[in-house]
Amino acid sequence: MQATEMKKYYLVIIIMLCLGRVSNAQISLNLALNSRPQPWLADWASPVNGVMVITLIQSAIQVDPAIKIRTTLLDQNGATVGISNINAARVYLLKPGVNQFTIADALQLQNLNLNGSVRILLQRTGRLAAGQYQLMVEITNTAGDVVRTKQTKPFFVASYQLPILMQPTNGSELDAHIAQSVITFRWTALVPSNELPTYRVQVFEILSGQTPMQAFRGNRPLLDEQAIKGTTQYIWRPNLPMLDSTANKRFIWTVQTLDIKGAPIPTADMNIQGRSEPAIFGIINQTGLNKKNDPVKQ
């Protein structure tokens, strides 16, 4: 008799486990996230970033179609850098079959509580810092206390190498007869070039008694112009008095790289505002030579 009761007991457990599996299987999640999504999180509604599909499977078992979404953002080490507020999450009513959402719905940016440094950077640039991340999405009941299905997908935020100044090179001296009419600036392209950036050429005169970096940080630029989109060259026609023997000059120049929204390309040091390492050049006239230029010092 005891053996018979034990068999019945095990049978009940097996049935309950099977029902539980069936019940959990009533809602499935497919998170098709682009491994290199757009860098601006506010744009994740765009289809280029992927889609989230939640399928409500019809069966004899009644399934509550009301759900909430819990989102967790993890770094490459699996540490949490942000998690959504499940209490404030929107309630969705699933229809039978396929329910399609954007990746922005999965991210829940407006409902995502981010760590301090991540939040500050996002507020300043609209982007995450460069690196590897994971997006974990959990589908829960409306109370948020039962996870019905979940999925985790990795994605990567690219790090950028700012352009390197090529011409005029640091410490170079230009012939005043040519420089008074035209000075050509050249630099390398942004790497990687997933987007078409804007390059902004800035030239500052180094006045008497100034260090190069004092001029760079404190003077108004003589030149502050954008190059033609997609090009890495700018031709300046300065029309400055460079042939007078007293008019030898020194300049410091850089390129500021802006994204397609007009914001500086983010780097590890956000204070440089997307500006490449500056270079110094001088102008030499026929009758006098200026002193050899110093290397750029911070």
Protein backbone atom coordinates (compact mmCIF):
# COMPACT_ATOMS: atom_id res chain seq x y z
CA MET A 1 0.00 0.00 0.00
CA GLN A 2 2.80 2.30 0.90
CA ALA A 3 4.57 1.59 -2.39
CA THR A 4 1.37 2.34 -4.30
CA GLU A 5 0.98 5.68 -2.52
CA MET A 6 4.60 6.56 -3.28
CA LYS A 7 4.03 5.80 -6.96
CA LYS A 8 0.98 8.08 -6.95
CA TYR A 9 3.01 10.79 -5.21
CA TYR A 10 5.81 10.62 -7.78
CA LEU A 11 3.25 10.59 -10.58
CA VAL A 12 1.68 13.81 -9.26
CA ILE A 13 5.11 15.46 -9.04
CA ILE A 14 5.96 14.41 -12.60
CA ILE A 15 2.65 15.76 -13.90
CA MET A 16 3.16 19.06 -12.07
CA LEU A 17 6.67 19.43 -13.47
CA CYS A 18 5.43 18.72 -16.96
CA LEU A 19 2.62 21.22 -16.57
CA GLY A 20 5.11 23.75 -15.29
CA ARG A 21 7.31 23.25 -18.33
CA VAL A 22 4.34 23.54 -20.65
CA SER A 23 3.16 26.66 -18.85
CA ASN A 24 6.60 28.27 -19.08
CA ALA A 25 6.77 27.33 -22.73
CA GLN A 26 3.57 29.30 -23.49
CA ILE A 27 5.62 32.47 -23.89
CA SER A 28 8.87 32.47 -25.85
CA LEU A 29 11.36 35.31 -26.34
CA ASN A 30 13.71 35.94 -29.27
CA LEU A 31 16.05 38.89 -28.80
CA ALA A 32 17.62 39.58 -32.21
CA LEU A 33 20.09 42.29 -31.16
CA ASN A 34 22.68 43.67 -33.57
CA SER A 35 26.09 42.82 -32.09
CA ARG A 36 27.26 46.36 -32.98
CA PRO A 37 24.16 48.51 -32.53
CA GLN A 38 24.01 52.24 -33.13
CA PRO A 39 26.07 54.07 -30.50
CA TRP A 40 23.25 56.42 -29.45
CA LEU A 41 20.94 54.49 -27.15
CA ALA A 42 18.07 56.86 -27.89
CA ASP A 43 18.08 55.55 -31.48
CA TRP A 44 17.63 51.89 -30.62
CA ALA A 45 14.07 51.94 -31.97
CA SER A 46 15.59 51.81 -35.46
CA PRO A 47 15.23 48.37 -37.13
CA VAL A 48 18.99 48.36 -37.89
CA ASN A 49 19.55 47.56 -34.21
CA GLY A 50 17.36 44.45 -34.34
CA VAL A 51 13.97 43.38 -33.03
CA MET A 52 12.51 41.66 -30.00
CA VAL A 53 9.88 39.00 -30.68
CA ILE A 54 7.64 37.62 -27.93
CA THR A 55 5.44 34.73 -28.99
CA LEU A 56 2.29 33.74 -27.11
CA ILE A 57 1.68 30.08 -27.91
CA GLN A 58 -1.94 28.99 -27.96
CA SER A 59 -2.77 25.79 -26.11
CA ALA A 60 -5.40 24.20 -23.91
CA ILE A 61 -3.79 25.85 -20.88
CA GLN A 62 -5.00 29.38 -20.21
CA VAL A 63 -2.06 31.81 -20.19
CA ASP A 64 -2.21 35.32 -18.80
CA PRO A 65 -1.31 37.58 -21.76
CA ALA A 66 -0.34 40.50 -19.50
CA ILE A 67 3.42 40.87 -19.06
CA LYS A 68 6.15 43.22 -17.94
CA ILE A 69 9.74 43.44 -19.17
CA ARG A 70 12.71 43.56 -16.82
CA THR A 71 15.95 44.75 -18.42
CA THR A 72 19.46 44.36 -17.01
CA LEU A 73 22.56 45.87 -18.61
CA LEU A 74 25.79 44.06 -17.76
CA ASP A 75 29.43 44.81 -18.50
CA GLN A 76 31.87 42.28 -19.97
CA ASN A 77 32.58 40.87 -16.50
CA GLY A 78 28.89 40.27 -15.82
CA ALA A 79 28.62 43.14 -13.33
CA THR A 80 25.35 45.07 -13.44
CA VAL A 81 25.65 48.63 -14.78
CA GLY A 82 21.91 49.25 -15.05
CA ILE A 83 18.58 47.64 -14.30
CA SER A 84 15.02 48.69 -15.06
CA ASN A 85 12.48 49.53 -12.39
CA ILE A 86 10.03 46.66 -12.69
CA ASN A 87 7.41 48.52 -10.65
CA ALA A 88 7.37 51.35 -13.18
CA ALA A 89 7.61 49.07 -16.22
CA ARG A 90 4.84 49.20 -18.78
CA VAL A 91 2.28 46.39 -18.89
CA TYR A 92 1.91 44.75 -22.31
CA LEU A 93 -1.04 42.61 -23.39
CA LEU A 94 0.21 39.97 -25.79
CA LYS A 95 -1.93 38.80 -28.66
CA PRO A 96 -1.89 35.11 -29.62
CA GLY A 97 1.04 34.38 -31.92
CA VAL A 98 3.94 36.70 -32.72
CA ASN A 99 4.31 40.07 -30.98
CA GLN A 100 7.09 42.25 -32.38
CA PHE A 101 8.87 44.99 -30.43
CA THR A 102 11.84 47.26 -31.07
CA ILE A 103 15.17 46.93 -29.29
CA ALA A 104 14.30 50.24 -27.61
CA ASP A 105 11.36 48.42 -25.97
CA ALA A 106 13.81 45.81 -24.74
CA LEU A 107 16.29 48.42 -23.48
CA GLN A 108 13.70 50.60 -21.70
CA LEU A 109 16.12 53.54 -21.60
CA GLN A 110 13.72 55.88 -19.80
CA ASN A 111 13.11 53.25 -17.13
CA LEU A 112 16.72 52.09 -16.80
CA ASN A 113 18.48 52.94 -13.54
CA LEU A 114 22.16 53.26 -14.51
CA ASN A 115 25.25 53.43 -12.33
CA GLY A 116 26.62 56.91 -11.67
CA SER A 117 29.53 57.07 -14.15
CA VAL A 118 27.52 55.32 -16.87
CA ARG A 119 24.59 57.68 -16.35
CA ILE A 120 26.80 60.79 -16.46
CA LEU A 121 28.50 59.72 -19.68
CA LEU A 122 25.16 58.85 -21.26
CA GLN A 123 23.75 62.26 -20.32
CA ARG A 124 26.79 64.01 -21.84
CA THR A 125 27.15 62.01 -25.04
CA GLY A 126 24.08 59.81 -25.49
CA ARG A 127 26.43 56.81 -25.66
CA LEU A 128 27.87 54.09 -23.49
CA ALA A 129 31.61 53.93 -22.92
CA ALA A 130 33.48 51.72 -25.39
CA GLY A 131 33.52 48.04 -24.46
CA GLN A 132 31.66 44.74 -24.37
CA TYR A 133 28.19 44.56 -22.80
CA GLN A 134 25.32 42.14 -22.31
CA LEU A 135 21.62 42.94 -22.54
CA MET A 136 19.47 40.61 -20.43
CA VAL A 137 15.71 40.72 -20.94
CA GLU A 138 13.27 38.90 -18.67
CA ILE A 139 9.56 38.56 -19.35
CA THR A 140 7.66 38.55 -16.05
CA ASN A 141 4.13 38.56 -14.76
CA THR A 142 2.57 41.95 -14.00
CA ALA A 143 3.81 41.80 -10.40
CA GLY A 144 7.35 41.29 -11.63
CA ASP A 145 7.94 38.39 -9.25
CA VAL A 146 7.70 35.48 -11.71
CA VAL A 147 10.07 35.21 -14.67
CA ARG A 148 8.27 33.49 -17.52
CA THR A 149 11.18 33.50 -19.98
CA LYS A 150 14.46 35.37 -20.46
CA GLN A 151 17.35 35.80 -22.87
CA THR A 152 20.78 37.48 -22.81
CA LYS A 153 22.60 38.89 -25.83
CA PRO A 154 26.11 40.40 -26.03
CA PHE A 155 26.85 43.62 -27.91
CA PHE A 156 29.86 45.82 -28.48
CA VAL A 157 30.37 49.58 -28.33
CA ALA A 158 33.34 50.55 -30.52
CA SER A 159 36.30 52.55 -29.25
CA TYR A 160 37.62 55.24 -31.56
CA GLN A 161 41.08 56.33 -32.64
CA LEU A 162 40.97 60.03 -33.36
CA PRO A 163 42.63 61.35 -36.52
CA ILE A 164 46.41 61.85 -36.52
CA LEU A 165 47.61 65.20 -37.85
CA MET A 166 49.82 64.73 -40.91
CA GLN A 167 50.42 68.14 -42.48
CA PRO A 168 51.77 70.55 -41.33
CA THR A 169 53.72 68.20 -39.07
CA ASN A 170 54.65 69.13 -35.52
CA GLY A 171 57.64 71.49 -35.58
CA SER A 172 57.47 72.18 -39.32
CA GLU A 173 58.24 75.59 -40.85
CA LEU A 174 56.35 76.90 -43.87
CA ASP A 175 57.56 79.31 -46.54
CA ALA A 176 55.83 82.64 -46.01
CA HIS A 177 55.54 83.27 -49.76
CA ILE A 178 53.34 80.17 -50.05
CA ALA A 179 51.69 80.26 -46.64
CA GLN A 180 50.38 83.82 -47.08
CA SER A 181 48.19 82.49 -49.88
CA VAL A 182 47.43 78.89 -48.96
CA ILE A 183 48.10 76.39 -46.17
CA THR A 184 46.95 72.80 -46.66
CA PHE A 185 45.97 70.73 -43.63
CA ARG A 186 45.78 66.93 -43.83
CA TRP A 187 44.98 64.22 -41.30
CA THR A 188 44.04 60.53 -41.10
CA ALA A 189 40.45 59.35 -40.93
CA LEU A 190 38.56 58.39 -37.78
CA VAL A 191 38.92 54.68 -36.97
CA PRO A 192 36.59 52.82 -37.15
CA SER A 193 34.63 54.75 -39.75
CA ASN A 194 31.18 53.20 -39.26
CA GLU A 195 29.69 56.67 -39.56
CA LEU A 196 30.54 59.68 -41.71
CA PRO A 197 32.03 62.18 -39.22
CA THR A 198 32.54 65.89 -39.52
CA TYR A 199 36.10 67.20 -39.22
CA ARG A 200 36.53 70.69 -37.83
CA VAL A 201 39.95 72.35 -38.34
CA GLN A 202 41.06 74.77 -35.64
CA VAL A 203 44.19 76.98 -35.76
CA PHE A 204 45.41 79.21 -32.93
CA GLU A 205 48.22 81.76 -33.01
CA ILE A 206 50.86 81.39 -30.28
CA LEU A 207 51.39 84.92 -29.02
CA SER A 208 54.57 86.27 -27.47
CA GLY A 209 55.10 84.93 -23.95
CA GLN A 210 52.63 82.08 -24.40
CA THR A 211 53.26 78.36 -24.28
CA PRO A 212 51.65 76.40 -27.12
CA MET A 213 49.04 74.89 -24.80
CA GLN A 214 48.19 78.28 -23.28
CA ALA A 215 47.42 79.49 -26.79
CA PHE A 216 45.50 76.31 -27.57
CA ARG A 217 43.33 76.54 -24.47
CA GLY A 218 42.95 80.28 -24.12
CA ASN A 219 43.07 82.05 -27.50
CA ARG A 220 40.29 82.51 -29.99
CA PRO A 221 40.96 80.43 -33.10
CA LEU A 222 42.12 82.18 -36.25
CA LEU A 223 40.54 79.33 -38.17
CA ASP A 224 37.56 77.26 -37.04
CA GLU A 225 35.99 75.66 -40.09
CA GLN A 226 34.54 72.30 -41.13
CA ALA A 227 36.14 70.31 -43.91
CA ILE A 228 33.98 69.00 -46.73
CA LYS A 229 32.04 66.00 -45.44
CA GLY A 230 33.97 62.77 -45.88
CA THR A 231 37.30 64.46 -46.69
CA THR A 232 40.46 64.56 -44.58
CA GLN A 233 41.90 67.77 -46.00
CA TYR A 234 41.25 71.48 -45.65
CA ILE A 235 42.83 74.32 -47.68
CA TRP A 236 43.15 77.57 -45.75
CA ARG A 237 43.69 80.92 -47.46
CA PRO A 238 44.78 82.98 -44.47
CA ASN A 239 45.56 86.40 -46.04
CA LEU A 240 47.85 87.23 -43.11
CA PRO A 241 50.86 89.64 -43.34
CA MET A 242 53.64 87.06 -43.45
CA LEU A 243 56.29 88.72 -45.64
CA ASP A 244 57.29 91.47 -43.24
CA SER A 245 60.54 90.56 -41.45
CA THR A 246 58.81 91.19 -38.10
CA ALA A 247 55.87 89.00 -38.92
CA ASN A 248 57.22 85.51 -38.29
CA LYS A 249 54.49 83.60 -36.53
CA ARG A 250 53.86 80.34 -34.74
CA PHE A 251 50.61 78.43 -34.73
CA ILE A 252 49.09 75.39 -33.04
CA TRP A 253 46.41 73.40 -34.83
CA THR A 254 44.13 70.43 -34.33
CA VAL A 255 41.13 68.62 -35.78
CA GLN A 256 37.95 68.16 -33.78
CA THR A 257 35.93 65.12 -34.89
CA LEU A 258 32.15 65.28 -34.53
CA ASP A 259 29.63 62.48 -34.98
CA ILE A 260 26.64 62.68 -37.30
CA LYS A 261 24.66 64.41 -34.56
CA GLY A 262 27.30 67.10 -34.19
CA ALA A 263 28.62 65.89 -30.82
CA PRO A 264 32.34 65.29 -30.18
CA ILE A 265 33.47 61.70 -30.73
CA PRO A 266 33.79 60.13 -27.26
CA THR A 267 37.21 59.12 -25.97
CA ALA A 268 38.61 57.86 -22.68
CA ASP A 269 39.31 61.49 -21.73
CA MET A 270 36.05 63.31 -22.44
CA ASN A 271 37.69 66.68 -21.68
CA ILE A 272 39.49 66.76 -25.02
CA GLN A 273 36.09 67.03 -26.75
CA GLY A 274 37.05 64.86 -29.72
CA ARG A 275 40.18 66.90 -30.53
CA SER A 276 43.27 65.20 -31.92
CA GLU A 277 46.72 65.68 -30.39
CA PRO A 278 47.65 69.20 -31.60
CA ALA A 279 50.74 70.14 -33.62
CA ILE A 280 52.80 73.33 -33.94
CA PHE A 281 54.01 74.92 -37.15
CA GLY A 282 55.81 78.17 -37.93
CA ILE A 283 55.99 80.63 -40.79
CA ILE A 284 59.41 81.74 -42.15
CA ASN A 285 59.84 84.81 -44.34
CA GLN A 286 62.75 85.62 -46.63
CA THR A 287 64.64 87.93 -44.30
CA GLY A 288 64.24 86.30 -40.91
CA LEU A 289 63.99 82.93 -39.25
CA ASN A 290 61.89 82.25 -36.21
CA LYS A 291 63.25 80.05 -33.49
CA LYS A 292 62.87 76.32 -33.73
CA ASN A 293 59.44 75.41 -32.49
CA ASP A 294 59.04 73.56 -29.23
CA PRO A 295 57.14 70.28 -29.18
CA VAL A 296 53.62 70.47 -27.87
CA LYS A 297 53.57 70.33 -24.11
CA GLN A 298 50.51 69.71 -22.04
